[in-house]
Amino acid sequence: DVQLQASGGGLVQTGGSLRLSCVASGFTADEYNYARGWFRQTPGKDRVGVACIQSDGTIFYPDSVKGRFTISSDSAKNTSYLQMHSLKPEDTAAYYCALECLVVANVPLGFGSWGQGTQVTVSS
């Protein structure tokens, strides 16, 4: 199985930036070698997608983060990144990376392996 390790979270002021990283290991030649989805979750709420690279290469961002968040990867380092700019208090959440992502009815669905989560806190 693929193991994902997320990192890069922290405390940042409103308007600031953070870059989250997700390193993959244990993958086979038939599996993706970097996470293709990023999700976030706050207590009492469902986990929701913030960036999703689908199998055909299309990238989905929900309106809440569009224009502020960017998913990218460095396949040589087995790493996915979530670059976050212009952060808002409502971006505060635990962020998780997922090995695969598919958007169905405008809802990103993560599947396969998941990272452990990294906390992002945005102060006003």
C-alpha atoms as a PDB file:
ATOM      1  CA  ASP A   1       0.000   0.000   0.000  1.00  0.00           C
ATOM      2  CA  VAL A   2       0.954   3.629  -0.447  1.00  0.00           C
ATOM      3  CA  GLN A   3       1.795   5.694   2.599  1.00  0.00           C
ATOM      4  CA  LEU A   4       1.295   9.448   2.545  1.00  0.00           C
ATOM      5  CA  GLN A   5       2.872  11.879   4.968  1.00  0.00           C
ATOM      6  CA  ALA A   6       1.521  15.411   5.077  1.00  0.00           C
ATOM      7  CA  SER A   7       3.393  18.334   6.550  1.00  0.00           C
ATOM      8  CA  GLY A   8       3.689  22.094   6.377  1.00  0.00           C
ATOM      9  CA  GLY A   9       0.757  23.213   8.462  1.00  0.00           C
ATOM     10  CA  GLY A  10       1.043  25.900  11.054  1.00  0.00           C
ATOM     11  CA  LEU A  11      -0.261  29.183  12.347  1.00  0.00           C
ATOM     12  CA  VAL A  12      -0.506  32.051   9.898  1.00  0.00           C
ATOM     13  CA  GLN A  13      -2.186  35.435   9.886  1.00  0.00           C
ATOM     14  CA  THR A  14      -5.035  36.348   7.601  1.00  0.00           C
ATOM     15  CA  GLY A  15      -3.672  37.101   4.151  1.00  0.00           C
ATOM     16  CA  GLY A  16      -0.626  34.945   4.627  1.00  0.00           C
ATOM     17  CA  SER A  17       0.594  31.923   2.722  1.00  0.00           C
ATOM     18  CA  LEU A  18       1.501  28.339   3.463  1.00  0.00           C
ATOM     19  CA  ARG A  19       2.678  25.455   1.350  1.00  0.00           C
ATOM     20  CA  LEU A  20       1.658  21.982   2.407  1.00  0.00           C
ATOM     21  CA  SER A  21       3.600  18.935   1.281  1.00  0.00           C
ATOM     22  CA  CYS A  22       2.604  15.303   0.947  1.00  0.00           C
ATOM     23  CA  VAL A  23       5.303  12.702   0.401  1.00  0.00           C
ATOM     24  CA  ALA A  24       4.375   9.275  -0.927  1.00  0.00           C
ATOM     25  CA  SER A  25       6.166   6.019  -0.291  1.00  0.00           C
ATOM     26  CA  GLY A  26       5.519   2.331  -0.784  1.00  0.00           C
ATOM     27  CA  PHE A  27       3.896   2.764  -4.170  1.00  0.00           C
ATOM     28  CA  THR A  28       4.180   0.302  -7.033  1.00  0.00           C
ATOM     29  CA  ALA A  29       4.744   1.011 -10.694  1.00  0.00           C
ATOM     30  CA  ASP A  30       0.997   0.763 -11.259  1.00  0.00           C
ATOM     31  CA  GLU A  31       0.134   3.381  -8.647  1.00  0.00           C
ATOM     32  CA  TYR A  32       0.411   7.133  -8.555  1.00  0.00           C
ATOM     33  CA  ASN A  33       3.562   8.279  -6.820  1.00  0.00           C
ATOM     34  CA  TYR A  34       2.124  11.504  -5.458  1.00  0.00           C
ATOM     35  CA  ALA A  35      -1.137  12.569  -3.911  1.00  0.00           C
ATOM     36  CA  ARG A  36      -3.644  13.948  -6.375  1.00  0.00           C
ATOM     37  CA  GLY A  37      -6.151  15.325  -3.920  1.00  0.00           C
ATOM     38  CA  TRP A  38      -6.193  17.677  -0.962  1.00  0.00           C
ATOM     39  CA  PHE A  39      -9.051  17.824   1.518  1.00  0.00           C
ATOM     40  CA  ARG A  40      -9.776  19.650   4.724  1.00  0.00           C
ATOM     41  CA  GLN A  41     -11.931  19.001   7.743  1.00  0.00           C
ATOM     42  CA  THR A  42     -13.045  20.962  10.781  1.00  0.00           C
ATOM     43  CA  PRO A  43     -14.545  19.382  13.908  1.00  0.00           C
ATOM     44  CA  GLY A  44     -18.117  18.243  13.412  1.00  0.00           C
ATOM     45  CA  LYS A  45     -18.030  18.681   9.649  1.00  0.00           C
ATOM     46  CA  ASP A  46     -17.423  16.389   6.718  1.00  0.00           C
ATOM     47  CA  ARG A  47     -14.111  16.280   4.958  1.00  0.00           C
ATOM     48  CA  VAL A  48     -14.315  18.403   1.818  1.00  0.00           C
ATOM     49  CA  GLY A  49     -12.048  18.631  -1.179  1.00  0.00           C
ATOM     50  CA  VAL A  50     -10.027  21.749  -1.903  1.00  0.00           C
ATOM     51  CA  ALA A  51      -8.008  20.487  -4.865  1.00  0.00           C
ATOM     52  CA  CYS A  52      -8.425  17.448  -7.059  1.00  0.00           C
ATOM     53  CA  ILE A  53      -6.418  16.174 -10.011  1.00  0.00           C
ATOM     54  CA  GLN A  54      -8.556  13.680 -11.873  1.00  0.00           C
ATOM     55  CA  SER A  55      -7.277  10.772 -13.907  1.00  0.00           C
ATOM     56  CA  ASP A  56      -7.693  12.706 -17.147  1.00  0.00           C
ATOM     57  CA  GLY A  57      -5.561  15.527 -15.770  1.00  0.00           C
ATOM     58  CA  THR A  58      -8.322  18.027 -15.154  1.00  0.00           C
ATOM     59  CA  ILE A  59      -7.964  19.982 -11.935  1.00  0.00           C
ATOM     60  CA  PHE A  60     -10.888  20.971  -9.775  1.00  0.00           C
ATOM     61  CA  TYR A  61     -11.021  23.643  -7.096  1.00  0.00           C
ATOM     62  CA  PRO A  62     -14.171  24.595  -5.243  1.00  0.00           C
ATOM     63  CA  ASP A  63     -15.233  28.204  -5.355  1.00  0.00           C
ATOM     64  CA  SER A  64     -14.155  28.669  -1.752  1.00  0.00           C
ATOM     65  CA  VAL A  65     -10.472  28.332  -2.676  1.00  0.00           C
ATOM     66  CA  LYS A  66     -10.378  28.954  -6.414  1.00  0.00           C
ATOM     67  CA  GLY A  67      -7.757  31.522  -7.283  1.00  0.00           C
ATOM     68  CA  ARG A  68      -6.043  31.151  -3.912  1.00  0.00           C
ATOM     69  CA  PHE A  69      -4.987  27.489  -3.745  1.00  0.00           C
ATOM     70  CA  THR A  70      -2.866  25.601  -6.247  1.00  0.00           C
ATOM     71  CA  ILE A  71      -2.066  21.903  -6.340  1.00  0.00           C
ATOM     72  CA  SER A  72       1.214  20.871  -7.900  1.00  0.00           C
ATOM     73  CA  SER A  73       3.655  17.998  -7.788  1.00  0.00           C
ATOM     74  CA  ASP A  74       7.272  17.022  -8.081  1.00  0.00           C
ATOM     75  CA  SER A  75       7.154  13.443  -9.276  1.00  0.00           C
ATOM     76  CA  ALA A  76      10.905  13.014  -8.834  1.00  0.00           C
ATOM     77  CA  LYS A  77      10.406  13.676  -5.122  1.00  0.00           C
ATOM     78  CA  ASN A  78       7.147  11.708  -4.887  1.00  0.00           C
ATOM     79  CA  THR A  79       5.600  14.850  -3.502  1.00  0.00           C
ATOM     80  CA  SER A  80       2.364  16.747  -3.907  1.00  0.00           C
ATOM     81  CA  TYR A  81       2.050  20.356  -2.814  1.00  0.00           C
ATOM     82  CA  LEU A  82      -0.831  22.576  -1.900  1.00  0.00           C
ATOM     83  CA  GLN A  83       0.174  26.218  -2.169  1.00  0.00           C
ATOM     84  CA  MET A  84      -2.223  28.442  -0.268  1.00  0.00           C
ATOM     85  CA  HIS A  85      -2.324  32.213  -0.610  1.00  0.00           C
ATOM     86  CA  SER A  86      -4.529  34.932   0.827  1.00  0.00           C
ATOM     87  CA  LEU A  87      -5.512  32.704   3.692  1.00  0.00           C
ATOM     88  CA  LYS A  88      -8.682  33.423   5.608  1.00  0.00           C
ATOM     89  CA  PRO A  89      -9.830  32.317   9.057  1.00  0.00           C
ATOM     90  CA  GLU A  90     -12.374  30.045   7.379  1.00  0.00           C
ATOM     91  CA  ASP A  91      -9.462  28.120   5.863  1.00  0.00           C
ATOM     92  CA  THR A  92      -8.610  26.881   9.347  1.00  0.00           C
ATOM     93  CA  ALA A  93      -8.828  23.092   9.266  1.00  0.00           C
ATOM     94  CA  ALA A  94      -6.909  19.867   9.315  1.00  0.00           C
ATOM     95  CA  TYR A  95      -5.666  19.263   5.791  1.00  0.00           C
ATOM     96  CA  TYR A  96      -5.323  15.782   4.346  1.00  0.00           C
ATOM     97  CA  CYS A  97      -3.815  14.496   1.136  1.00  0.00           C
ATOM     98  CA  ALA A  98      -5.346  11.620  -0.810  1.00  0.00           C
ATOM     99  CA  LEU A  99      -3.646   9.429  -3.358  1.00  0.00           C
ATOM    100  CA  GLU A 100      -6.476   9.647  -5.866  1.00  0.00           C
ATOM    101  CA  CYS A 101      -9.312  12.034  -6.445  1.00  0.00           C
ATOM    102  CA  LEU A 102     -12.435  12.046  -8.574  1.00  0.00           C
ATOM    103  CA  VAL A 103     -15.048  14.762  -8.906  1.00  0.00           C
ATOM    104  CA  VAL A 104     -18.618  13.514  -9.050  1.00  0.00           C
ATOM    105  CA  ALA A 105     -21.517  15.960  -9.289  1.00  0.00           C
ATOM    106  CA  ASN A 106     -19.091  18.765  -8.455  1.00  0.00           C
ATOM    107  CA  VAL A 107     -18.004  16.981  -5.273  1.00  0.00           C
ATOM    108  CA  PRO A 108     -14.385  15.844  -4.946  1.00  0.00           C
ATOM    109  CA  LEU A 109     -13.999  12.316  -3.645  1.00  0.00           C
ATOM    110  CA  GLY A 110     -10.691  11.119  -2.273  1.00  0.00           C
ATOM    111  CA  PHE A 111      -9.770   7.469  -2.279  1.00  0.00           C
ATOM    112  CA  GLY A 112      -6.832   5.171  -1.937  1.00  0.00           C
ATOM    113  CA  SER A 113      -4.327   6.105   0.715  1.00  0.00           C
ATOM    114  CA  TRP A 114      -4.707   9.124   2.970  1.00  0.00           C
ATOM    115  CA  GLY A 115      -2.175  11.199   4.785  1.00  0.00           C
ATOM    116  CA  GLN A 116      -2.408  11.743   8.515  1.00  0.00           C
ATOM    117  CA  GLY A 117      -3.419  15.381   8.290  1.00  0.00           C
ATOM    118  CA  THR A 118      -1.664  18.623   9.087  1.00  0.00           C
ATOM    119  CA  GLN A 119      -3.286  21.485  10.948  1.00  0.00           C
ATOM    120  CA  VAL A 120      -3.616  24.918   9.391  1.00  0.00           C
ATOM    121  CA  THR A 121      -4.780  27.721  11.638  1.00  0.00           C
ATOM    122  CA  VAL A 122      -5.424  31.192  10.252  1.00  0.00           C
ATOM    123  CA  SER A 123      -5.715  33.972  12.783  1.00  0.00           C
ATOM    124  CA  SER A 124      -7.517  37.227  12.188  1.00  0.00           C
END
